[in-house]
PDB file of all heavy atoms in Angstrom:
ATOM      1  N   TYR A   1     120.743 -92.442  88.239  1.00  0.00           N
ATOM      2  CA  TYR A   1     120.064 -91.240  87.889  1.00  0.00           C
ATOM      3  C   TYR A   1     119.633 -91.256  86.395  1.00  0.00           C
ATOM      4  O   TYR A   1     118.618 -90.803  85.972  1.00  0.00           O
ATOM      5  CB  TYR A   1     120.938 -89.939  88.128  1.00  0.00           C
ATOM      6  CG  TYR A   1     120.838 -89.428  89.547  1.00  0.00           C
ATOM      7  CD1 TYR A   1     121.945 -89.525  90.400  1.00  0.00           C
ATOM      8  CD2 TYR A   1     119.652 -88.890  90.030  1.00  0.00           C
ATOM      9  CE1 TYR A   1     121.889 -89.063  91.697  1.00  0.00           C
ATOM     10  CE2 TYR A   1     119.543 -88.374  91.347  1.00  0.00           C
ATOM     11  CZ  TYR A   1     120.696 -88.503  92.173  1.00  0.00           C
ATOM     12  OH  TYR A   1     120.615 -88.038  93.461  1.00  0.00           O
ATOM     13  N   PHE A   2     120.500 -91.772  85.567  1.00  0.00           N
ATOM     14  CA  PHE A   2     120.206 -92.002  84.178  1.00  0.00           C
ATOM     15  C   PHE A   2     118.945 -92.765  83.935  1.00  0.00           C
ATOM     16  O   PHE A   2     118.064 -92.471  83.130  1.00  0.00           O
ATOM     17  CB  PHE A   2     121.419 -92.640  83.432  1.00  0.00           C
ATOM     18  CG  PHE A   2     121.267 -92.647  81.948  1.00  0.00           C
ATOM     19  CD1 PHE A   2     121.451 -91.592  81.119  1.00  0.00           C
ATOM     20  CD2 PHE A   2     120.871 -93.884  81.354  1.00  0.00           C
ATOM     21  CE1 PHE A   2     121.258 -91.679  79.748  1.00  0.00           C
ATOM     22  CE2 PHE A   2     120.665 -94.036  79.986  1.00  0.00           C
ATOM     23  CZ  PHE A   2     120.954 -92.883  79.172  1.00  0.00           C
ATOM     24  N   VAL A   3     118.916 -93.885  84.651  1.00  0.00           N
ATOM     25  CA  VAL A   3     117.623 -94.740  84.563  1.00  0.00           C
ATOM     26  C   VAL A   3     116.406 -94.018  84.953  1.00  0.00           C
ATOM     27  O   VAL A   3     115.400 -94.024  84.305  1.00  0.00           O
ATOM     28  CB  VAL A   3     117.843 -96.025  85.405  1.00  0.00           C
ATOM     29  CG1 VAL A   3     116.579 -96.812  85.493  1.00  0.00           C
ATOM     30  CG2 VAL A   3     118.996 -96.881  84.802  1.00  0.00           C
ATOM     31  N   LEU A   4     116.524 -93.251  86.044  1.00  0.00           N
ATOM     32  CA  LEU A   4     115.370 -92.445  86.428  1.00  0.00           C
ATOM     33  C   LEU A   4     114.929 -91.394  85.474  1.00  0.00           C
ATOM     34  O   LEU A   4     113.777 -91.284  85.101  1.00  0.00           O
ATOM     35  CB  LEU A   4     115.657 -91.779  87.849  1.00  0.00           C
ATOM     36  CG  LEU A   4     114.509 -90.841  88.335  1.00  0.00           C
ATOM     37  CD1 LEU A   4     113.274 -91.593  88.612  1.00  0.00           C
ATOM     38  CD2 LEU A   4     115.071 -90.149  89.616  1.00  0.00           C
ATOM     39  N   ALA A   5     115.941 -90.766  84.853  1.00  0.00           N
ATOM     40  CA  ALA A   5     115.643 -89.723  83.912  1.00  0.00           C
ATOM     41  C   ALA A   5     114.962 -90.357  82.628  1.00  0.00           C
ATOM     42  O   ALA A   5     114.016 -89.828  82.100  1.00  0.00           O
ATOM     43  CB  ALA A   5     116.905 -88.993  83.438  1.00  0.00           C
ATOM     44  N   ASN A   6     115.424 -91.541  82.242  1.00  0.00           N
ATOM     45  CA  ASN A   6     114.752 -92.227  81.119  1.00  0.00           C
ATOM     46  C   ASN A   6     113.309 -92.498  81.361  1.00  0.00           C
ATOM     47  O   ASN A   6     112.473 -92.387  80.501  1.00  0.00           O
ATOM     48  CB  ASN A   6     115.499 -93.532  80.804  1.00  0.00           C
ATOM     49  CG  ASN A   6     116.731 -93.318  79.889  1.00  0.00           C
ATOM     50  OD1 ASN A   6     116.654 -92.572  78.926  1.00  0.00           O
ATOM     51  ND2 ASN A   6     117.772 -93.969  80.193  1.00  0.00           N
ATOM     52  N   ILE A   7     113.074 -92.947  82.612  1.00  0.00           N
ATOM     53  CA  ILE A   7     111.684 -93.245  82.950  1.00  0.00           C
ATOM     54  C   ILE A   7     110.831 -91.980  82.967  1.00  0.00           C
ATOM     55  O   ILE A   7     109.694 -91.992  82.504  1.00  0.00           O
ATOM     56  CB  ILE A   7     111.624 -93.960  84.366  1.00  0.00           C
ATOM     57  CG1 ILE A   7     112.245 -95.343  84.307  1.00  0.00           C
ATOM     58  CG2 ILE A   7     110.190 -94.006  84.847  1.00  0.00           C
ATOM     59  CD1 ILE A   7     112.485 -95.929  85.590  1.00  0.00           C
ATOM     60  N   LEU A   8     111.375 -90.925  83.460  1.00  0.00           N
ATOM     61  CA  LEU A   8     110.678 -89.580  83.583  1.00  0.00           C
ATOM     62  C   LEU A   8     110.376 -88.914  82.227  1.00  0.00           C
ATOM     63  O   LEU A   8     109.587 -88.067  82.121  1.00  0.00           O
ATOM     64  CB  LEU A   8     111.373 -88.682  84.523  1.00  0.00           C
ATOM     65  CG  LEU A   8     111.334 -89.058  85.931  1.00  0.00           C
ATOM     66  CD1 LEU A   8     112.302 -88.155  86.774  1.00  0.00           C
ATOM     67  CD2 LEU A   8     109.950 -88.918  86.471  1.00  0.00           C
ATOM     68  N   GLU A   9     111.152 -89.269  81.196  1.00  0.00           N
ATOM     69  CA  GLU A   9     111.017 -88.548  79.959  1.00  0.00           C
ATOM     70  C   GLU A   9     109.571 -88.477  79.470  1.00  0.00           C
ATOM     71  O   GLU A   9     109.193 -87.452  78.888  1.00  0.00           O
ATOM     72  CB  GLU A   9     111.900 -89.161  78.832  1.00  0.00           C
ATOM     73  CG  GLU A   9     113.307 -88.702  78.901  1.00  0.00           C
ATOM     74  CD  GLU A   9     114.108 -89.149  77.719  1.00  0.00           C
ATOM     75  OE1 GLU A   9     113.556 -89.131  76.593  1.00  0.00           O
ATOM     76  OE2 GLU A   9     115.340 -89.416  77.917  1.00  0.00           O
ATOM     77  N   ASP A  10     108.812 -89.544  79.593  1.00  0.00           N
ATOM     78  CA  ASP A  10     107.421 -89.561  79.139  1.00  0.00           C
ATOM     79  C   ASP A  10     106.484 -88.890  80.079  1.00  0.00           C
ATOM     80  O   ASP A  10     105.435 -88.505  79.703  1.00  0.00           O
ATOM     81  CB  ASP A  10     106.977 -90.976  78.865  1.00  0.00           C
ATOM     82  CG  ASP A  10     107.656 -91.617  77.632  1.00  0.00           C
ATOM     83  OD1 ASP A  10     108.021 -90.804  76.757  1.00  0.00           O
ATOM     84  OD2 ASP A  10     107.828 -92.851  77.594  1.00  0.00           O
ATOM     85  N   LEU A  11     106.926 -88.763  81.317  1.00  0.00           N
ATOM     86  CA  LEU A  11     105.995 -88.133  82.305  1.00  0.00           C
ATOM     87  C   LEU A  11     106.210 -86.675  82.442  1.00  0.00           C
ATOM     88  O   LEU A  11     105.235 -85.940  82.604  1.00  0.00           O
ATOM     89  CB  LEU A  11     106.263 -88.872  83.724  1.00  0.00           C
ATOM     90  CG  LEU A  11     106.041 -90.340  83.751  1.00  0.00           C
ATOM     91  CD1 LEU A  11     106.489 -90.884  85.132  1.00  0.00           C
ATOM     92  CD2 LEU A  11     104.579 -90.671  83.527  1.00  0.00           C
ATOM     93  N   ASP A  12     107.459 -86.229  82.510  1.00  0.00           N
ATOM     94  CA  ASP A  12     107.734 -84.817  82.796  1.00  0.00           C
ATOM     95  C   ASP A  12     109.118 -84.501  82.257  1.00  0.00           C
ATOM     96  O   ASP A  12     110.170 -84.735  82.880  1.00  0.00           O
ATOM     97  CB  ASP A  12     107.725 -84.634  84.368  1.00  0.00           C
ATOM     98  CG  ASP A  12     107.936 -83.177  84.743  1.00  0.00           C
ATOM     99  OD1 ASP A  12     108.391 -82.353  83.956  1.00  0.00           O
ATOM    100  OD2 ASP A  12     107.595 -82.872  85.919  1.00  0.00           O
ATOM    101  N   LYS A  13     109.120 -83.906  81.065  1.00  0.00           N
ATOM    102  CA  LYS A  13     110.397 -83.591  80.331  1.00  0.00           C
ATOM    103  C   LYS A  13     111.299 -82.648  81.205  1.00  0.00           C
ATOM    104  O   LYS A  13     112.442 -82.786  81.235  1.00  0.00           O
ATOM    105  CB  LYS A  13     110.070 -82.994  79.007  1.00  0.00           C
ATOM    106  CG  LYS A  13     109.379 -83.968  78.028  1.00  0.00           C
ATOM    107  CD  LYS A  13     110.149 -84.084  76.729  1.00  0.00           C
ATOM    108  CE  LYS A  13     109.435 -84.925  75.800  1.00  0.00           C
ATOM    109  NZ  LYS A  13     109.366 -86.329  76.145  1.00  0.00           N
ATOM    110  N   SER A  14     110.709 -81.680  81.825  1.00  0.00           N
ATOM    111  CA  SER A  14     111.501 -80.667  82.560  1.00  0.00           C
ATOM    112  C   SER A  14     112.184 -81.448  83.730  1.00  0.00           C
ATOM    113  O   SER A  14     113.359 -81.181  84.095  1.00  0.00           O
ATOM    114  CB  SER A  14     110.696 -79.546  83.036  1.00  0.00           C
ATOM    115  OG  SER A  14     109.679 -79.880  83.935  1.00  0.00           O
ATOM    116  N   LYS A  15     111.518 -82.357  84.377  1.00  0.00           N
ATOM    117  CA  LYS A  15     112.071 -83.069  85.497  1.00  0.00           C
ATOM    118  C   LYS A  15     113.166 -83.988  84.960  1.00  0.00           C
ATOM    119  O   LYS A  15     114.257 -84.138  85.551  1.00  0.00           O
ATOM    120  CB  LYS A  15     111.068 -83.835  86.266  1.00  0.00           C
ATOM    121  CG  LYS A  15     111.539 -84.500  87.532  1.00  0.00           C
ATOM    122  CD  LYS A  15     110.420 -84.934  88.405  1.00  0.00           C
ATOM    123  CE  LYS A  15     111.042 -85.423  89.752  1.00  0.00           C
ATOM    124  NZ  LYS A  15     110.002 -85.905  90.677  1.00  0.00           N
ATOM    125  N   ALA A  16     112.910 -84.608  83.811  1.00  0.00           N
ATOM    126  CA  ALA A  16     113.903 -85.489  83.214  1.00  0.00           C
ATOM    127  C   ALA A  16     115.197 -84.683  82.837  1.00  0.00           C
ATOM    128  O   ALA A  16     116.333 -85.147  83.162  1.00  0.00           O
ATOM    129  CB  ALA A  16     113.372 -86.167  81.982  1.00  0.00           C
ATOM    130  N   ILE A  17     115.032 -83.518  82.379  1.00  0.00           N
ATOM    131  CA  ILE A  17     116.192 -82.612  82.010  1.00  0.00           C
ATOM    132  C   ILE A  17     116.960 -82.387  83.282  1.00  0.00           C
ATOM    133  O   ILE A  17     118.217 -82.389  83.267  1.00  0.00           O
ATOM    134  CB  ILE A  17     115.700 -81.330  81.376  1.00  0.00           C
ATOM    135  CG1 ILE A  17     115.254 -81.678  79.916  1.00  0.00           C
ATOM    136  CG2 ILE A  17     116.777 -80.292  81.329  1.00  0.00           C
ATOM    137  CD1 ILE A  17     114.502 -80.551  79.202  1.00  0.00           C
ATOM    138  N   SER A  18     116.267 -82.033  84.389  1.00  0.00           N
ATOM    139  CA  SER A  18     117.034 -81.705  85.631  1.00  0.00           C
ATOM    140  C   SER A  18     117.762 -83.003  86.160  1.00  0.00           C
ATOM    141  O   SER A  18     118.846 -82.824  86.760  1.00  0.00           O
ATOM    142  CB  SER A  18     116.141 -81.127  86.686  1.00  0.00           C
ATOM    143  OG  SER A  18     115.192 -82.109  87.200  1.00  0.00           O
ATOM    144  N   ILE A  19     117.201 -84.124  85.953  1.00  0.00           N
ATOM    145  CA  ILE A  19     117.869 -85.409  86.336  1.00  0.00           C
ATOM    146  C   ILE A  19     119.095 -85.643  85.474  1.00  0.00           C
ATOM    147  O   ILE A  19     120.131 -86.098  85.941  1.00  0.00           O
ATOM    148  CB  ILE A  19     116.916 -86.561  86.392  1.00  0.00           C
ATOM    149  CG1 ILE A  19     115.723 -86.393  87.377  1.00  0.00           C
ATOM    150  CG2 ILE A  19     117.679 -87.873  86.735  1.00  0.00           C
ATOM    151  CD1 ILE A  19     116.124 -86.257  88.818  1.00  0.00           C
ATOM    152  N   TYR A  20     118.877 -85.352  84.209  1.00  0.00           N
ATOM    153  CA  TYR A  20     120.062 -85.550  83.312  1.00  0.00           C
ATOM    154  C   TYR A  20     121.205 -84.567  83.732  1.00  0.00           C
ATOM    155  O   TYR A  20     122.408 -84.895  83.585  1.00  0.00           O
ATOM    156  CB  TYR A  20     119.712 -85.338  81.817  1.00  0.00           C
ATOM    157  CG  TYR A  20     119.003 -86.480  81.205  1.00  0.00           C
ATOM    158  CD1 TYR A  20     117.792 -86.299  80.541  1.00  0.00           C
ATOM    159  CD2 TYR A  20     119.568 -87.740  81.217  1.00  0.00           C
ATOM    160  CE1 TYR A  20     117.090 -87.386  79.983  1.00  0.00           C
ATOM    161  CE2 TYR A  20     118.897 -88.806  80.662  1.00  0.00           C
ATOM    162  CZ  TYR A  20     117.684 -88.651  80.014  1.00  0.00           C
ATOM    163  OH  TYR A  20     117.055 -89.720  79.503  1.00  0.00           O
ATOM    164  N   ASP A  21     120.843 -83.386  84.241  1.00  0.00           N
ATOM    165  CA  ASP A  21     121.849 -82.498  84.738  1.00  0.00           C
ATOM    166  C   ASP A  21     122.670 -83.168  85.904  1.00  0.00           C
ATOM    167  O   ASP A  21     123.830 -82.953  85.993  1.00  0.00           O
ATOM    168  CB  ASP A  21     121.223 -81.208  85.244  1.00  0.00           C
ATOM    169  CG  ASP A  21     120.790 -80.296  84.124  1.00  0.00           C
ATOM    170  OD1 ASP A  21     121.308 -80.398  83.018  1.00  0.00           O
ATOM    171  OD2 ASP A  21     119.910 -79.451  84.396  1.00  0.00           O
ATOM    172  N   LYS A  22     121.976 -83.982  86.675  1.00  0.00           N
ATOM    173  CA  LYS A  22     122.673 -84.633  87.826  1.00  0.00           C
ATOM    174  C   LYS A  22     123.588 -85.723  87.236  1.00  0.00           C
ATOM    175  O   LYS A  22     124.706 -85.911  87.765  1.00  0.00           O
ATOM    176  CB  LYS A  22     121.641 -85.270  88.716  1.00  0.00           C
ATOM    177  CG  LYS A  22     120.899 -84.278  89.591  1.00  0.00           C
ATOM    178  CD  LYS A  22     119.955 -84.857  90.556  1.00  0.00           C
ATOM    179  CE  LYS A  22     119.112 -83.813  91.292  1.00  0.00           C
ATOM    180  NZ  LYS A  22     118.337 -84.382  92.309  1.00  0.00           N
ATOM    181  N   VAL A  23     123.117 -86.385  86.207  1.00  0.00           N
ATOM    182  CA  VAL A  23     123.961 -87.420  85.563  1.00  0.00           C
ATOM    183  C   VAL A  23     125.250 -86.740  85.062  1.00  0.00           C
ATOM    184  O   VAL A  23     126.370 -87.230  85.306  1.00  0.00           O
ATOM    185  CB  VAL A  23     123.282 -88.138  84.426  1.00  0.00           C
ATOM    186  CG1 VAL A  23     124.218 -89.012  83.637  1.00  0.00           C
ATOM    187  CG2 VAL A  23     122.031 -88.883  84.929  1.00  0.00           C
ATOM    188  N   ILE A  24     125.153 -85.650  84.394  1.00  0.00           N
ATOM    189  CA  ILE A  24     126.243 -84.930  83.785  1.00  0.00           C
ATOM    190  C   ILE A  24     127.173 -84.385  84.872  1.00  0.00           C
ATOM    191  O   ILE A  24     128.378 -84.455  84.804  1.00  0.00           O
ATOM    192  CB  ILE A  24     125.740 -83.840  82.838  1.00  0.00           C
ATOM    193  CG1 ILE A  24     125.105 -84.497  81.609  1.00  0.00           C
ATOM    194  CG2 ILE A  24     126.833 -82.891  82.443  1.00  0.00           C
ATOM    195  CD1 ILE A  24     124.303 -83.558  80.762  1.00  0.00           C
ATOM    196  N   ALA A  25     126.625 -83.955  85.996  1.00  0.00           N
ATOM    197  CA  ALA A  25     127.438 -83.476  87.104  1.00  0.00           C
ATOM    198  C   ALA A  25     128.244 -84.636  87.694  1.00  0.00           C
ATOM    199  O   ALA A  25     129.453 -84.401  88.132  1.00  0.00           O
ATOM    200  CB  ALA A  25     126.516 -82.836  88.241  1.00  0.00           C
ATOM    201  N   LEU A  26     127.681 -85.818  87.746  1.00  0.00           N
ATOM    202  CA  LEU A  26     128.443 -86.970  88.256  1.00  0.00           C
ATOM    203  C   LEU A  26     129.342 -87.501  87.229  1.00  0.00           C
ATOM    204  O   LEU A  26     130.345 -88.162  87.642  1.00  0.00           O
ATOM    205  CB  LEU A  26     127.397 -87.972  88.735  1.00  0.00           C
ATOM    206  CG  LEU A  26     126.610 -87.644  89.957  1.00  0.00           C
ATOM    207  CD1 LEU A  26     125.518 -88.682  90.148  1.00  0.00           C
ATOM    208  CD2 LEU A  26     127.528 -87.599  91.192  1.00  0.00           C
ATOM    209  N   ASN A  27     129.066 -87.428  85.975  1.00  0.00           N
ATOM    210  CA  ASN A  27     129.955 -88.012  84.921  1.00  0.00           C
ATOM    211  C   ASN A  27     129.802 -87.163  83.683  1.00  0.00           C
ATOM    212  O   ASN A  27     128.869 -87.346  82.839  1.00  0.00           O
ATOM    213  CB  ASN A  27     129.488 -89.455  84.582  1.00  0.00           C
ATOM    214  CG  ASN A  27     130.296 -90.094  83.495  1.00  0.00           C
ATOM    215  OD1 ASN A  27     131.248 -89.472  83.002  1.00  0.00           O
ATOM    216  ND2 ASN A  27     129.950 -91.339  83.178  1.00  0.00           N
ATOM    217  N   ASN A  28     130.669 -86.182  83.527  1.00  0.00           N
ATOM    218  CA  ASN A  28     130.613 -85.220  82.447  1.00  0.00           C
ATOM    219  C   ASN A  28     130.963 -85.871  81.081  1.00  0.00           C
ATOM    220  O   ASN A  28     130.958 -85.176  80.042  1.00  0.00           O
ATOM    221  CB  ASN A  28     131.338 -83.940  82.688  1.00  0.00           C
ATOM    222  CG  ASN A  28     132.853 -84.177  82.731  1.00  0.00           C
ATOM    223  OD1 ASN A  28     133.314 -85.301  82.744  1.00  0.00           O
ATOM    224  ND2 ASN A  28     133.541 -83.079  82.889  1.00  0.00           N
ATOM    225  N   ARG A  29     131.333 -87.137  81.093  1.00  0.00           N
ATOM    226  CA  ARG A  29     131.644 -87.856  79.851  1.00  0.00           C
ATOM    227  C   ARG A  29     130.505 -88.747  79.397  1.00  0.00           C
ATOM    228  O   ARG A  29     130.655 -89.598  78.478  1.00  0.00           O
ATOM    229  CB  ARG A  29     132.939 -88.716  80.037  1.00  0.00           C
ATOM    230  CG  ARG A  29     134.178 -87.913  80.453  1.00  0.00           C
ATOM    231  CD  ARG A  29     134.668 -86.932  79.414  1.00  0.00           C
ATOM    232  NE  ARG A  29     135.072 -87.769  78.225  1.00  0.00           N
ATOM    233  CZ  ARG A  29     135.313 -87.213  77.054  1.00  0.00           C
ATOM    234  NH1 ARG A  29     135.101 -85.888  76.861  1.00  0.00           N
ATOM    235  NH2 ARG A  29     135.601 -87.955  76.014  1.00  0.00           N
ATOM    236  N   ALA A  30     129.337 -88.587  79.969  1.00  0.00           N
ATOM    237  CA  ALA A  30     128.228 -89.459  79.724  1.00  0.00           C
ATOM    238  C   ALA A  30     127.527 -88.908  78.446  1.00  0.00           C
ATOM    239  O   ALA A  30     126.583 -88.181  78.581  1.00  0.00           O
ATOM    240  CB  ALA A  30     127.218 -89.576  80.870  1.00  0.00           C
ATOM    241  N   ALA A  31     127.967 -89.271  77.293  1.00  0.00           N
ATOM    242  CA  ALA A  31     127.455 -88.772  76.057  1.00  0.00           C
ATOM    243  C   ALA A  31     125.944 -89.067  75.896  1.00  0.00           C
ATOM    244  O   ALA A  31     125.183 -88.229  75.428  1.00  0.00           O
ATOM    245  CB  ALA A  31     128.127 -89.364  74.853  1.00  0.00           C
ATOM    246  N   CYS A  32     125.542 -90.208  76.436  1.00  0.00           N
ATOM    247  CA  CYS A  32     124.094 -90.592  76.352  1.00  0.00           C
ATOM    248  C   CYS A  32     123.229 -89.555  77.099  1.00  0.00           C
ATOM    249  O   CYS A  32     122.117 -89.303  76.701  1.00  0.00           O
ATOM    250  CB  CYS A  32     123.945 -92.010  76.857  1.00  0.00           C
ATOM    251  SG  CYS A  32     124.560 -92.337  78.514  1.00  0.00           S
ATOM    252  N   ALA A  33     123.760 -89.030  78.241  1.00  0.00           N
ATOM    253  CA  ALA A  33     122.983 -88.110  79.046  1.00  0.00           C
ATOM    254  C   ALA A  33     122.762 -86.874  78.259  1.00  0.00           C
ATOM    255  O   ALA A  33     121.716 -86.206  78.211  1.00  0.00           O
ATOM    256  CB  ALA A  33     123.592 -87.831  80.379  1.00  0.00           C
ATOM    257  N   TYR A  34     123.826 -86.362  77.553  1.00  0.00           N
ATOM    258  CA  TYR A  34     123.723 -85.141  76.738  1.00  0.00           C
ATOM    259  C   TYR A  34     122.749 -85.368  75.596  1.00  0.00           C
ATOM    260  O   TYR A  34     121.957 -84.517  75.285  1.00  0.00           O
ATOM    261  CB  TYR A  34     125.136 -84.822  76.171  1.00  0.00           C
ATOM    262  CG  TYR A  34     126.157 -84.174  77.152  1.00  0.00           C
ATOM    263  CD1 TYR A  34     127.059 -84.965  77.749  1.00  0.00           C
ATOM    264  CD2 TYR A  34     126.016 -82.879  77.559  1.00  0.00           C
ATOM    265  CE1 TYR A  34     128.004 -84.431  78.618  1.00  0.00           C
ATOM    266  CE2 TYR A  34     126.905 -82.329  78.480  1.00  0.00           C
ATOM    267  CZ  TYR A  34     127.883 -83.099  79.012  1.00  0.00           C
ATOM    268  OH  TYR A  34     128.790 -82.575  79.930  1.00  0.00           O
TER     269      TYR A  34
END
């Protein structure tokens, strides 16, 4: 999910944000996602 969010950042920030939420839900210690 993190890789997907990184790709989406340039295309659709709001979608990238929602994908980062999934990363955080799966791993709340993922500082890079925050």
